[in-house]
C-alpha atoms as a PDB file:
ATOM      1  CA  MET A   1      -4.251 -19.120 -12.251  1.00  0.00           C
ATOM      2  CA  SER A   2      -3.749 -22.128 -10.348  1.00  0.00           C
ATOM      3  CA  ALA A   3      -7.373 -22.461 -10.468  1.00  0.00           C
ATOM      4  CA  SER A   4      -7.384 -20.972 -13.926  1.00  0.00           C
ATOM      5  CA  GLY A   5      -5.460 -20.155 -17.078  1.00  0.00           C
ATOM      6  CA  GLU A   6      -4.968 -17.137 -19.282  1.00  0.00           C
ATOM      7  CA  ALA A   7      -6.412 -16.105 -22.626  1.00  0.00           C
ATOM      8  CA  VAL A   8      -3.983 -15.007 -25.321  1.00  0.00           C
ATOM      9  CA  GLU A   9      -6.179 -12.409 -27.010  1.00  0.00           C
ATOM     10  CA  LEU A  10      -7.573 -10.851 -23.874  1.00  0.00           C
ATOM     11  CA  SER A  11      -4.170 -10.343 -22.337  1.00  0.00           C
ATOM     12  CA  ILE A  12      -2.680  -8.334 -25.234  1.00  0.00           C
ATOM     13  CA  LYS A  13      -2.915  -4.658 -24.501  1.00  0.00           C
ATOM     14  CA  PRO A  14      -4.629  -2.464 -27.133  1.00  0.00           C
ATOM     15  CA  VAL A  15      -2.337  -0.452 -29.375  1.00  0.00           C
ATOM     16  CA  ALA A  16      -2.468   3.343 -29.345  1.00  0.00           C
ATOM     17  CA  ASP A  17      -5.825   3.519 -27.613  1.00  0.00           C
ATOM     18  CA  SER A  18      -5.239   5.655 -24.549  1.00  0.00           C
ATOM     19  CA  GLY A  19      -8.709   4.880 -23.218  1.00  0.00           C
ATOM     20  CA  ALA A  20      -8.572   1.081 -23.375  1.00  0.00           C
ATOM     21  CA  LEU A  21      -7.941  -1.089 -20.344  1.00  0.00           C
ATOM     22  CA  ALA A  22      -6.585  -4.606 -20.623  1.00  0.00           C
ATOM     23  CA  ARG A  23      -9.371  -6.886 -19.382  1.00  0.00           C
ATOM     24  CA  GLN A  24      -7.110  -9.748 -18.437  1.00  0.00           C
ATOM     25  CA  THR A  25      -8.261 -13.136 -17.297  1.00  0.00           C
ATOM     26  CA  GLY A  26      -7.060 -15.762 -14.935  1.00  0.00           C
ATOM     27  CA  HIS A  27      -6.773 -16.431 -11.206  1.00  0.00           C
ATOM     28  CA  CYS A  28      -3.008 -16.655 -10.778  1.00  0.00           C
ATOM     29  CA  ASP A  29      -0.678 -14.009 -12.129  1.00  0.00           C
ATOM     30  CA  ILE A  30      -0.215 -14.952 -15.768  1.00  0.00           C
ATOM     31  CA  ASP A  31      -1.604 -11.785 -17.293  1.00  0.00           C
ATOM     32  CA  GLY A  32       0.648 -11.272 -20.285  1.00  0.00           C
ATOM     33  CA  VAL A  33       2.246 -14.712 -20.090  1.00  0.00           C
ATOM     34  CA  LEU A  34       0.366 -16.143 -23.012  1.00  0.00           C
ATOM     35  CA  ALA A  35       0.746 -12.806 -24.704  1.00  0.00           C
ATOM     36  CA  ALA A  36       4.316 -14.065 -24.784  1.00  0.00           C
ATOM     37  CA  ARG A  37       3.054 -16.761 -27.156  1.00  0.00           C
ATOM     38  CA  GLY A  38       2.533 -19.513 -24.604  1.00  0.00           C
ATOM     39  CA  SER A  39       5.760 -19.308 -22.646  1.00  0.00           C
ATOM     40  CA  ARG A  40       5.536 -22.169 -20.171  1.00  0.00           C
ATOM     41  CA  THR A  41       8.541 -20.854 -18.255  1.00  0.00           C
ATOM     42  CA  LEU A  42       6.819 -17.556 -17.501  1.00  0.00           C
ATOM     43  CA  ALA A  43       3.524 -19.310 -16.834  1.00  0.00           C
ATOM     44  CA  HIS A  44       5.116 -21.580 -14.247  1.00  0.00           C
ATOM     45  CA  ARG A  45       6.956 -18.686 -12.664  1.00  0.00           C
ATOM     46  CA  ALA A  46       3.721 -16.742 -12.398  1.00  0.00           C
ATOM     47  CA  CYS A  47       1.643 -19.610 -11.048  1.00  0.00           C
ATOM     48  CA  GLU A  48       4.106 -21.773  -9.158  1.00  0.00           C
ATOM     49  CA  ARG A  49       2.624 -21.044  -5.718  1.00  0.00           C
ATOM     50  CA  ASP A  50      -0.927 -21.750  -6.844  1.00  0.00           C
ATOM     51  CA  ILE A  51       0.155 -24.903  -8.655  1.00  0.00           C
ATOM     52  CA  GLU A  52       1.878 -26.106  -5.473  1.00  0.00           C
ATOM     53  CA  VAL A  53      -1.360 -25.576  -3.551  1.00  0.00           C
ATOM     54  CA  GLU A  54      -3.321 -27.602  -6.111  1.00  0.00           C
ATOM     55  CA  HIS A  55      -0.761 -30.380  -6.161  1.00  0.00           C
ATOM     56  CA  ASP A  56      -0.608 -30.577  -2.374  1.00  0.00           C
ATOM     57  CA  LEU A  57      -4.382 -30.729  -2.058  1.00  0.00           C
ATOM     58  CA  ALA A  58      -4.654 -33.354  -4.757  1.00  0.00           C
ATOM     59  CA  GLN A  59      -1.914 -35.487  -3.225  1.00  0.00           C
ATOM     60  CA  GLY A  60      -3.482 -35.157   0.201  1.00  0.00           C
ATOM     61  CA  LEU A  61      -6.747 -36.422  -1.207  1.00  0.00           C
ATOM     62  CA  MET A  62      -4.881 -39.330  -2.838  1.00  0.00           C
ATOM     63  CA  LEU A  63      -6.785 -38.867  -6.091  1.00  0.00           C
ATOM     64  CA  SER A  64      -3.750 -39.114  -8.296  1.00  0.00           C
ATOM     65  CA  THR A  65      -5.364 -39.950 -11.636  1.00  0.00           C
ATOM     66  CA  ALA A  66      -7.969 -37.186 -11.500  1.00  0.00           C
ATOM     67  CA  ALA A  67      -5.432 -34.741 -10.089  1.00  0.00           C
ATOM     68  CA  HIS A  68      -2.921 -35.519 -12.816  1.00  0.00           C
ATOM     69  CA  LEU A  69      -5.582 -34.968 -15.466  1.00  0.00           C
ATOM     70  CA  GLN A  70      -6.493 -31.632 -13.911  1.00  0.00           C
ATOM     71  CA  ASN A  71      -2.833 -30.608 -13.859  1.00  0.00           C
ATOM     72  CA  ASP A  72      -2.309 -31.796 -17.433  1.00  0.00           C
ATOM     73  CA  GLY A  73      -5.291 -29.700 -18.432  1.00  0.00           C
ATOM     74  CA  ARG A  74      -3.715 -26.668 -16.801  1.00  0.00           C
ATOM     75  CA  GLU A  75      -0.514 -27.213 -18.753  1.00  0.00           C
ATOM     76  CA  ARG A  76      -2.381 -27.473 -22.044  1.00  0.00           C
ATOM     77  CA  HIS A  77      -4.613 -24.526 -21.171  1.00  0.00           C
ATOM     78  CA  MET A  78      -1.594 -22.285 -20.576  1.00  0.00           C
ATOM     79  CA  ALA A  79      -0.061 -23.509 -23.832  1.00  0.00           C
ATOM     80  CA  GLY A  80      -3.234 -22.633 -25.754  1.00  0.00           C
ATOM     81  CA  ASP A  81      -4.440 -26.186 -26.520  1.00  0.00           C
ATOM     82  CA  MET A  82      -8.011 -25.440 -25.483  1.00  0.00           C
ATOM     83  CA  GLU A  83      -9.788 -28.530 -26.804  1.00  0.00           C
ATOM     84  CA  GLN A  84      -7.423 -30.982 -25.129  1.00  0.00           C
ATOM     85  CA  ALA A  85      -7.514 -28.903 -21.952  1.00  0.00           C
ATOM     86  CA  ARG A  86     -11.314 -29.062 -21.967  1.00  0.00           C
ATOM     87  CA  HIS A  87     -11.167 -32.857 -22.370  1.00  0.00           C
ATOM     88  CA  ASP A  88      -8.673 -33.197 -19.499  1.00  0.00           C
ATOM     89  CA  TYR A  89     -10.772 -31.061 -17.144  1.00  0.00           C
ATOM     90  CA  GLN A  90     -13.961 -32.947 -17.955  1.00  0.00           C
ATOM     91  CA  GLU A  91     -12.258 -36.318 -17.549  1.00  0.00           C
ATOM     92  CA  ALA A  92     -10.745 -35.185 -14.232  1.00  0.00           C
ATOM     93  CA  ILE A  93     -14.234 -34.329 -12.973  1.00  0.00           C
ATOM     94  CA  ARG A  94     -15.608 -37.670 -14.175  1.00  0.00           C
ATOM     95  CA  ARG A  95     -12.917 -39.681 -12.424  1.00  0.00           C
ATOM     96  CA  ASP A  96     -12.990 -37.541  -9.285  1.00  0.00           C
ATOM     97  CA  THR A  97     -16.750 -38.057  -8.872  1.00  0.00           C
ATOM     98  CA  ASP A  98     -16.833 -41.724  -9.883  1.00  0.00           C
ATOM     99  CA  GLY A  99     -18.479 -43.300  -6.852  1.00  0.00           C
ATOM    100  CA  ARG A 100     -17.478 -40.550  -4.417  1.00  0.00           C
ATOM    101  CA  ASP A 101     -18.375 -37.016  -3.438  1.00  0.00           C
ATOM    102  CA  PRO A 102     -16.550 -34.313  -5.415  1.00  0.00           C
ATOM    103  CA  SER A 103     -13.209 -33.214  -3.987  1.00  0.00           C
ATOM    104  CA  ALA A 104     -11.079 -30.103  -4.469  1.00  0.00           C
ATOM    105  CA  VAL A 105      -9.934 -31.573  -7.783  1.00  0.00           C
ATOM    106  CA  THR A 106     -13.429 -31.089  -9.208  1.00  0.00           C
ATOM    107  CA  ALA A 107     -13.525 -27.526  -7.885  1.00  0.00           C
ATOM    108  CA  PHE A 108     -10.214 -26.690  -9.561  1.00  0.00           C
ATOM    109  CA  ALA A 109     -11.278 -28.315 -12.824  1.00  0.00           C
ATOM    110  CA  ARG A 110     -14.583 -26.425 -12.835  1.00  0.00           C
ATOM    111  CA  ILE A 111     -12.850 -23.119 -12.175  1.00  0.00           C
ATOM    112  CA  ASN A 112     -10.533 -23.833 -15.078  1.00  0.00           C
ATOM    113  CA  LEU A 113     -13.435 -24.888 -17.290  1.00  0.00           C
ATOM    114  CA  GLY A 114     -15.224 -21.683 -16.356  1.00  0.00           C
ATOM    115  CA  LEU A 115     -12.216 -19.651 -17.418  1.00  0.00           C
ATOM    116  CA  LEU A 116     -11.850 -21.619 -20.647  1.00  0.00           C
ATOM    117  CA  HIS A 117     -15.486 -21.003 -21.596  1.00  0.00           C
ATOM    118  CA  HIS A 118     -15.077 -17.333 -20.682  1.00  0.00           C
ATOM    119  CA  GLU A 119     -12.053 -17.034 -22.943  1.00  0.00           C
ATOM    120  CA  GLN A 120     -14.031 -18.618 -25.767  1.00  0.00           C
ATOM    121  CA  GLY A 121     -16.972 -16.256 -25.288  1.00  0.00           C
ATOM    122  CA  ASP A 122     -19.426 -18.701 -23.686  1.00  0.00           C
ATOM    123  CA  GLN A 123     -20.198 -16.654 -20.578  1.00  0.00           C
ATOM    124  CA  ALA A 124     -23.341 -18.598 -19.625  1.00  0.00           C
ATOM    125  CA  THR A 125     -21.485 -21.908 -19.330  1.00  0.00           C
ATOM    126  CA  ALA A 126     -18.605 -20.176 -17.564  1.00  0.00           C
ATOM    127  CA  GLN A 127     -21.007 -18.875 -14.934  1.00  0.00           C
ATOM    128  CA  GLN A 128     -22.543 -22.317 -14.438  1.00  0.00           C
ATOM    129  CA  HIS A 129     -19.150 -23.835 -13.571  1.00  0.00           C
ATOM    130  CA  LEU A 130     -18.152 -20.982 -11.279  1.00  0.00           C
ATOM    131  CA  HIS A 131     -21.466 -20.922  -9.432  1.00  0.00           C
ATOM    132  CA  TRP A 132     -21.176 -24.685  -8.904  1.00  0.00           C
ATOM    133  CA  VAL A 133     -17.861 -24.078  -7.109  1.00  0.00           C
ATOM    134  CA  LEU A 134     -19.342 -21.308  -4.982  1.00  0.00           C
ATOM    135  CA  ASP A 135     -22.263 -23.552  -4.062  1.00  0.00           C
ATOM    136  CA  HIS A 136     -20.138 -26.580  -3.150  1.00  0.00           C
ATOM    137  CA  SER A 137     -16.734 -25.412  -1.857  1.00  0.00           C
ATOM    138  CA  SER A 138     -15.941 -24.030   1.596  1.00  0.00           C
ATOM    139  CA  ASP A 139     -12.211 -23.445   0.975  1.00  0.00           C
ATOM    140  CA  ASP A 140     -11.388 -19.717   1.006  1.00  0.00           C
ATOM    141  CA  ALA A 141      -8.708 -19.889  -1.695  1.00  0.00           C
ATOM    142  CA  VAL A 142     -10.946 -21.925  -4.009  1.00  0.00           C
ATOM    143  CA  ARG A 143     -13.937 -19.653  -3.436  1.00  0.00           C
ATOM    144  CA  GLY A 144     -11.724 -16.590  -3.918  1.00  0.00           C
ATOM    145  CA  ALA A 145     -10.550 -17.927  -7.269  1.00  0.00           C
ATOM    146  CA  ALA A 146     -14.131 -18.639  -8.336  1.00  0.00           C
ATOM    147  CA  TYR A 147     -15.337 -15.169  -7.345  1.00  0.00           C
ATOM    148  CA  HIS A 148     -12.363 -13.566  -9.121  1.00  0.00           C
ATOM    149  CA  ASN A 149     -13.072 -15.387 -12.379  1.00  0.00           C
ATOM    150  CA  LEU A 150     -16.795 -14.732 -12.026  1.00  0.00           C
ATOM    151  CA  ALA A 151     -15.955 -11.025 -11.857  1.00  0.00           C
ATOM    152  CA  LEU A 152     -14.144 -11.331 -15.181  1.00  0.00           C
ATOM    153  CA  VAL A 153     -17.135 -13.095 -16.732  1.00  0.00           C
ATOM    154  CA  LEU A 154     -19.496 -10.372 -15.502  1.00  0.00           C
ATOM    155  CA  LEU A 155     -17.092  -7.675 -16.686  1.00  0.00           C
ATOM    156  CA  ALA A 156     -17.146  -9.211 -20.164  1.00  0.00           C
ATOM    157  CA  GLN A 157     -20.941  -8.877 -20.053  1.00  0.00           C
ATOM    158  CA  ASP A 158     -20.678  -5.236 -18.890  1.00  0.00           C
ATOM    159  CA  ASP A 159     -22.374  -6.087 -15.583  1.00  0.00           C
ATOM    160  CA  LEU A 160     -20.165  -3.666 -13.671  1.00  0.00           C
ATOM    161  CA  ASP A 161     -22.095  -3.836 -10.405  1.00  0.00           C
ATOM    162  CA  GLY A 162     -21.986  -7.625 -10.367  1.00  0.00           C
ATOM    163  CA  ALA A 163     -18.346  -7.627 -11.390  1.00  0.00           C
ATOM    164  CA  LEU A 164     -17.367  -5.259  -8.580  1.00  0.00           C
ATOM    165  CA  ASP A 165     -19.245  -7.317  -5.983  1.00  0.00           C
ATOM    166  CA  ALA A 166     -17.650 -10.588  -7.141  1.00  0.00           C
ATOM    167  CA  ALA A 167     -14.168  -9.064  -7.444  1.00  0.00           C
ATOM    168  CA  SER A 168     -14.381  -7.582  -3.947  1.00  0.00           C
ATOM    169  CA  LYS A 169     -15.432 -10.923  -2.448  1.00  0.00           C
ATOM    170  CA  GLY A 170     -12.696 -12.701  -4.379  1.00  0.00           C
ATOM    171  CA  HIS A 171     -10.032 -10.263  -3.255  1.00  0.00           C
ATOM    172  CA  ASP A 172     -11.013 -10.526   0.406  1.00  0.00           C
ATOM    173  CA  LEU A 173     -10.992 -14.325   0.322  1.00  0.00           C
ATOM    174  CA  LEU A 174      -7.702 -14.584  -1.581  1.00  0.00           C
ATOM    175  CA  ARG A 175      -5.979 -12.099   0.722  1.00  0.00           C
ATOM    176  CA  GLN A 176      -7.247 -13.974   3.777  1.00  0.00           C
ATOM    177  CA  ALA A 177      -6.216 -17.374   2.429  1.00  0.00           C
ATOM    178  CA  LEU A 178      -2.941 -16.546   0.697  1.00  0.00           C
ATOM    179  CA  GLY A 179      -1.576 -13.381   2.306  1.00  0.00           C
ATOM    180  CA  ALA A 180      -1.225  -9.837   1.061  1.00  0.00           C
ATOM    181  CA  SER A 181       1.855 -10.461  -1.097  1.00  0.00           C
ATOM    182  CA  HIS A 182       0.634 -13.410  -3.164  1.00  0.00           C
ATOM    183  CA  GLY A 183       0.487 -13.146  -6.939  1.00  0.00           C
ATOM    184  CA  SER A 184      -3.200 -13.999  -6.988  1.00  0.00           C
ATOM    185  CA  VAL A 185      -3.893 -11.047  -4.700  1.00  0.00           C
ATOM    186  CA  GLY A 186      -2.059  -8.869  -7.220  1.00  0.00           C
ATOM    187  CA  ALA A 187      -4.335 -10.239  -9.934  1.00  0.00           C
ATOM    188  CA  SER A 188      -7.422  -9.461  -7.863  1.00  0.00           C
ATOM    189  CA  LEU A 189      -6.217  -5.900  -7.218  1.00  0.00           C
ATOM    190  CA  ASN A 190      -5.641  -5.463 -10.947  1.00  0.00           C
ATOM    191  CA  ALA A 191      -9.177  -6.680 -11.679  1.00  0.00           C
ATOM    192  CA  LEU A 192     -10.640  -4.334  -9.075  1.00  0.00           C
ATOM    193  CA  GLY A 193      -8.722  -1.445 -10.631  1.00  0.00           C
ATOM    194  CA  VAL A 194     -10.026  -2.222 -14.104  1.00  0.00           C
ATOM    195  CA  ILE A 195     -13.605  -2.539 -12.850  1.00  0.00           C
ATOM    196  CA  HIS A 196     -13.460   0.743 -10.927  1.00  0.00           C
ATOM    197  CA  ALA A 197     -12.012   2.438 -14.021  1.00  0.00           C
ATOM    198  CA  GLU A 198     -14.801   1.067 -16.207  1.00  0.00           C
ATOM    199  CA  ARG A 199     -17.268   2.425 -13.629  1.00  0.00           C
ATOM    200  CA  ASP A 200     -15.542   5.820 -13.993  1.00  0.00           C
ATOM    201  CA  GLU A 201     -14.459   5.646 -10.352  1.00  0.00           C
ATOM    202  CA  LEU A 202     -10.998   6.835 -11.226  1.00  0.00           C
ATOM    203  CA  PRO A 203      -9.466   7.668  -7.810  1.00  0.00           C
ATOM    204  CA  GLU A 204     -10.440   4.205  -6.544  1.00  0.00           C
ATOM    205  CA  ALA A 205      -9.088   2.646  -9.738  1.00  0.00           C
ATOM    206  CA  VAL A 206      -5.729   4.393  -9.351  1.00  0.00           C
ATOM    207  CA  ASP A 207      -5.444   3.223  -5.729  1.00  0.00           C
ATOM    208  CA  MET A 208      -6.153  -0.382  -6.704  1.00  0.00           C
ATOM    209  CA  LEU A 209      -3.810  -0.369  -9.689  1.00  0.00           C
ATOM    210  CA  GLU A 210      -0.963   1.193  -7.713  1.00  0.00           C
ATOM    211  CA  ALA A 211      -1.469  -1.550  -5.126  1.00  0.00           C
ATOM    212  CA  ALA A 212      -1.511  -4.139  -7.938  1.00  0.00           C
ATOM    213  CA  VAL A 213       1.819  -2.842  -9.243  1.00  0.00           C
ATOM    214  CA  ASP A 214       3.344  -3.027  -5.754  1.00  0.00           C
ATOM    215  CA  THR A 215       1.957  -6.501  -5.028  1.00  0.00           C
ATOM    216  CA  ARG A 216       2.948  -7.950  -8.383  1.00  0.00           C
ATOM    217  CA  THR A 217       6.420  -6.444  -8.108  1.00  0.00           C
ATOM    218  CA  THR A 218       6.812  -8.138  -4.710  1.00  0.00           C
ATOM    219  CA  ALA A 219       5.294 -11.470  -5.755  1.00  0.00           C
ATOM    220  CA  LEU A 220       6.627 -11.788  -9.303  1.00  0.00           C
ATOM    221  CA  GLY A 221       9.397  -9.227  -9.583  1.00  0.00           C
ATOM    222  CA  ARG A 222       9.530  -6.096 -11.704  1.00  0.00           C
ATOM    223  CA  LEU A 223      10.460  -8.005 -14.849  1.00  0.00           C
ATOM    224  CA  HIS A 224       7.200  -9.836 -15.458  1.00  0.00           C
ATOM    225  CA  PRO A 225       4.428  -9.278 -18.031  1.00  0.00           C
ATOM    226  CA  ALA A 226       1.795  -9.140 -15.279  1.00  0.00           C
ATOM    227  CA  THR A 227       3.630  -6.290 -13.574  1.00  0.00           C
ATOM    228  CA  ALA A 228       3.857  -4.493 -16.917  1.00  0.00           C
ATOM    229  CA  ALA A 229       0.141  -5.076 -17.529  1.00  0.00           C
ATOM    230  CA  SER A 230      -0.752  -3.333 -14.279  1.00  0.00           C
ATOM    231  CA  TYR A 231       1.533  -0.425 -15.198  1.00  0.00           C
ATOM    232  CA  THR A 232      -0.348  -0.176 -18.493  1.00  0.00           C
ATOM    233  CA  ASN A 233      -3.740  -0.160 -16.797  1.00  0.00           C
ATOM    234  CA  LEU A 234      -2.454   2.419 -14.330  1.00  0.00           C
ATOM    235  CA  GLY A 235      -1.231   4.591 -17.201  1.00  0.00           C
ATOM    236  CA  VAL A 236      -4.579   4.349 -18.996  1.00  0.00           C
ATOM    237  CA  THR A 237      -6.449   5.323 -15.838  1.00  0.00           C
ATOM    238  CA  LEU A 238      -4.137   8.233 -15.075  1.00  0.00           C
ATOM    239  CA  GLY A 239      -4.708   9.421 -18.628  1.00  0.00           C
ATOM    240  CA  ARG A 240      -8.447   9.341 -18.070  1.00  0.00           C
ATOM    241  CA  GLN A 241      -7.842  11.661 -15.124  1.00  0.00           C
ATOM    242  CA  GLY A 242      -5.874  14.006 -17.364  1.00  0.00           C
ATOM    243  CA  ARG A 243      -2.647  13.218 -15.493  1.00  0.00           C
ATOM    244  CA  TRP A 244      -0.671  12.741 -18.682  1.00  0.00           C
ATOM    245  CA  ASP A 245       2.808  13.236 -17.234  1.00  0.00           C
ATOM    246  CA  ASP A 246       2.154  10.469 -14.701  1.00  0.00           C
ATOM    247  CA  ALA A 247       0.509   8.318 -17.380  1.00  0.00           C
ATOM    248  CA  LEU A 248       3.583   8.709 -19.578  1.00  0.00           C
ATOM    249  CA  LEU A 249       5.841   7.487 -16.763  1.00  0.00           C
ATOM    250  CA  ALA A 250       3.665   4.405 -16.213  1.00  0.00           C
ATOM    251  CA  HIS A 251       3.582   3.519 -19.923  1.00  0.00           C
ATOM    252  CA  ARG A 252       7.351   3.968 -20.209  1.00  0.00           C
ATOM    253  CA  GLU A 253       7.837   1.583 -17.301  1.00  0.00           C
ATOM    254  CA  ALA A 254       5.576  -0.967 -19.016  1.00  0.00           C
ATOM    255  CA  LEU A 255       7.620  -0.625 -22.212  1.00  0.00           C
ATOM    256  CA  SER A 256      10.897  -1.062 -20.350  1.00  0.00           C
ATOM    257  CA  ILE A 257       9.642  -4.303 -18.793  1.00  0.00           C
ATOM    258  CA  ASP A 258       8.031  -5.721 -21.936  1.00  0.00           C
ATOM    259  CA  GLN A 259      11.053  -4.981 -24.108  1.00  0.00           C
ATOM    260  CA  GLU A 260      13.240  -7.012 -21.772  1.00  0.00           C
ATOM    261  CA  VAL A 261      10.810  -9.843 -21.009  1.00  0.00           C
ATOM    262  CA  LEU A 262       8.805 -10.212 -24.229  1.00  0.00           C
ATOM    263  CA  GLY A 263      11.292  -8.700 -26.634  1.00  0.00           C
ATOM    264  CA  PRO A 264      11.421  -5.589 -28.843  1.00  0.00           C
ATOM    265  CA  GLU A 265       9.362  -7.140 -31.659  1.00  0.00           C
ATOM    266  CA  HIS A 266       6.388  -8.353 -29.626  1.00  0.00           C
ATOM    267  CA  ALA A 267       2.837  -7.068 -30.177  1.00  0.00           C
ATOM    268  CA  THR A 268       2.566  -6.023 -26.527  1.00  0.00           C
ATOM    269  CA  THR A 269       5.736  -3.975 -26.937  1.00  0.00           C
ATOM    270  CA  ALA A 270       4.115  -2.319 -29.951  1.00  0.00           C
ATOM    271  CA  ALA A 271       1.106  -1.548 -27.759  1.00  0.00           C
ATOM    272  CA  ASP A 272       3.393   0.126 -25.230  1.00  0.00           C
ATOM    273  CA  HIS A 273       4.870   2.338 -27.954  1.00  0.00           C
ATOM    274  CA  GLY A 274       1.349   3.260 -28.986  1.00  0.00           C
ATOM    275  CA  HIS A 275       0.312   4.184 -25.456  1.00  0.00           C
ATOM    276  CA  ILE A 276       3.411   6.344 -25.046  1.00  0.00           C
ATOM    277  CA  GLY A 277       2.721   8.055 -28.356  1.00  0.00           C
ATOM    278  CA  ALA A 278      -0.889   8.771 -27.334  1.00  0.00           C
ATOM    279  CA  ALA A 279       0.278  10.310 -24.040  1.00  0.00           C
ATOM    280  CA  LEU A 280       2.851  12.452 -25.864  1.00  0.00           C
ATOM    281  CA  MET A 281       0.154  13.713 -28.218  1.00  0.00           C
ATOM    282  CA  GLU A 282      -1.991  14.719 -25.246  1.00  0.00           C
ATOM    283  CA  LEU A 283       1.027  16.603 -23.899  1.00  0.00           C
ATOM    284  CA  GLY A 284       1.406  18.497 -27.182  1.00  0.00           C
ATOM    285  CA  ARG A 285       4.572  16.717 -28.319  1.00  0.00           C
ATOM    286  CA  PRO A 286       3.787  15.360 -31.802  1.00  0.00           C
ATOM    287  CA  SER A 287       7.381  14.859 -32.948  1.00  0.00           C
ATOM    288  CA  PRO A 288       8.400  12.307 -30.278  1.00  0.00           C
ATOM    289  CA  ALA A 289       4.900  10.814 -30.537  1.00  0.00           C
ATOM    290  CA  ARG A 290       5.498  10.163 -34.234  1.00  0.00           C
ATOM    291  CA  THR A 291       8.616   8.180 -33.362  1.00  0.00           C
ATOM    292  CA  ARG A 292       6.573   5.940 -31.061  1.00  0.00           C
ATOM    293  CA  PHE A 293       3.782   5.353 -33.573  1.00  0.00           C
ATOM    294  CA  GLU A 294       6.340   4.517 -36.265  1.00  0.00           C
ATOM    295  CA  ALA A 295       8.045   2.077 -33.881  1.00  0.00           C
ATOM    296  CA  ALA A 296       4.725   0.356 -33.241  1.00  0.00           C
ATOM    297  CA  LEU A 297       3.973   0.130 -36.960  1.00  0.00           C
ATOM    298  CA  ALA A 298       7.425  -1.298 -37.665  1.00  0.00           C
ATOM    299  CA  ILE A 299       6.532  -4.192 -35.363  1.00  0.00           C
ATOM    300  CA  LEU A 300       2.940  -4.750 -36.488  1.00  0.00           C
ATOM    301  CA  GLU A 301       2.806  -3.998 -40.222  1.00  0.00           C
ATOM    302  CA  PRO A 302       4.932  -6.973 -41.320  1.00  0.00           C
ATOM    303  CA  GLU A 303       2.583  -9.299 -39.407  1.00  0.00           C
ATOM    304  CA  ARG A 304      -0.836  -7.692 -39.888  1.00  0.00           C
ATOM    305  CA  PRO A 305      -3.092  -6.905 -42.866  1.00  0.00           C
ATOM    306  CA  LEU A 306      -3.416  -3.254 -43.874  1.00  0.00           C
ATOM    307  CA  ASP A 307      -7.001  -3.120 -42.611  1.00  0.00           C
ATOM    308  CA  ASP A 308      -6.059  -4.404 -39.156  1.00  0.00           C
ATOM    309  CA  PRO A 309      -7.747  -2.048 -36.632  1.00  0.00           C
ATOM    310  CA  GLU A 310      -4.554  -1.442 -34.676  1.00  0.00           C
ATOM    311  CA  VAL A 311      -2.578  -0.640 -37.811  1.00  0.00           C
ATOM    312  CA  GLU A 312      -5.334   1.705 -38.967  1.00  0.00           C
ATOM    313  CA  ARG A 313      -5.366   3.444 -35.568  1.00  0.00           C
ATOM    314  CA  LEU A 314      -1.633   3.995 -35.719  1.00  0.00           C
ATOM    315  CA  HIS A 315      -1.857   5.500 -39.197  1.00  0.00           C
ATOM    316  CA  ALA A 316      -4.617   7.787 -37.924  1.00  0.00           C
ATOM    317  CA  TRP A 317      -2.311   8.919 -35.126  1.00  0.00           C
ATOM    318  CA  LEU A 318       0.440   9.616 -37.673  1.00  0.00           C
ATOM    319  CA  LYS A 319      -2.008  11.758 -39.639  1.00  0.00           C
ATOM    320  CA  ASP A 320      -2.721  13.692 -36.436  1.00  0.00           C
ATOM    321  CA  CYS A 321       1.024  14.192 -36.008  1.00  0.00           C
ATOM    322  CA  ASP A 322       1.240  15.596 -39.549  1.00  0.00           C
ATOM    323  CA  GLU A 323      -1.597  18.009 -38.860  1.00  0.00           C
ATOM    324  CA  ALA A 324      -0.044  19.152 -35.580  1.00  0.00           C
ATOM    325  CA  ASP A 325       3.330  19.686 -37.259  1.00  0.00           C
ATOM    326  CA  ALA A 326       1.631  21.695 -40.033  1.00  0.00           C
ATOM    327  CA  VAL A 327      -0.015  23.970 -37.474  1.00  0.00           C
ATOM    328  CA  VAL A 328       3.328  24.594 -35.815  1.00  0.00           C
ATOM    329  CA  ALA A 329       5.022  25.284 -39.172  1.00  0.00           C
ATOM    330  CA  SER A 330       2.348  27.773 -40.172  1.00  0.00           C
ATOM    331  CA  LYS A 331       2.924  29.968 -37.133  1.00  0.00           C
END
């Protein structure tokens, strides 16, 4: 997000696991963007408002060198060059604080560093950077971004109470600072939905995820991976409620978007096929479910080893289809 990037692995939705929610990262709306293999065009489209805010603040502070390093780090972070991004962020902080009090540039760089460490599994260091921002910044948008990313760090540690508290604070601050229709507010609604779902608070989760779909559609348009990601999370949550017809509709909408934006051969598209197949199985429709599982395997098998967990799950689903068909044939 403007104050953060997006992890490739965490933004790819699980294949054929109807109970799995996508725990996406980032402050601006680039959930799914790097699932598109580092598409800078989509990343800029998702984050352009946040990036404008950062640039304006940096220019207003007249700290061009540090600001440029921070922005370069963002570019590299979104493109997946983590080590160079880390260097750029750290150098931006060094130059920004060389003989002066830290400015907003340091806050942005620390939020981004926090996200980078989170994506790489170093949650303790991520928390240190994010808490520094919360201790030193008074800007609502900056604090909202820090709270949002802190919620993701706590979620990764299964601290659901802490995650909900941080996500709620982040959402309130981002909405107040940026308005109800901003992409970052859509990201915060998506995070709140995932956290409520993980807490088994399913009605609240559905409300948040429906709002995330609406906000992301307004801010980013229907044809965006982040919008599709919220449809996926909504479908998973509806499935947990046993609302399989509604879940099927949500997963089909995610597939329609991802096929057009990411392409028919993308791993996220395969995940959508898997989710649809799982919903069809729950609805007692093994034949069309088989078609979906086979479509997912056609995408993944050429690129994955045979013992890949997603490939193995899909083959297990196909076995379930065979058993269901055998029961029907025996009657």
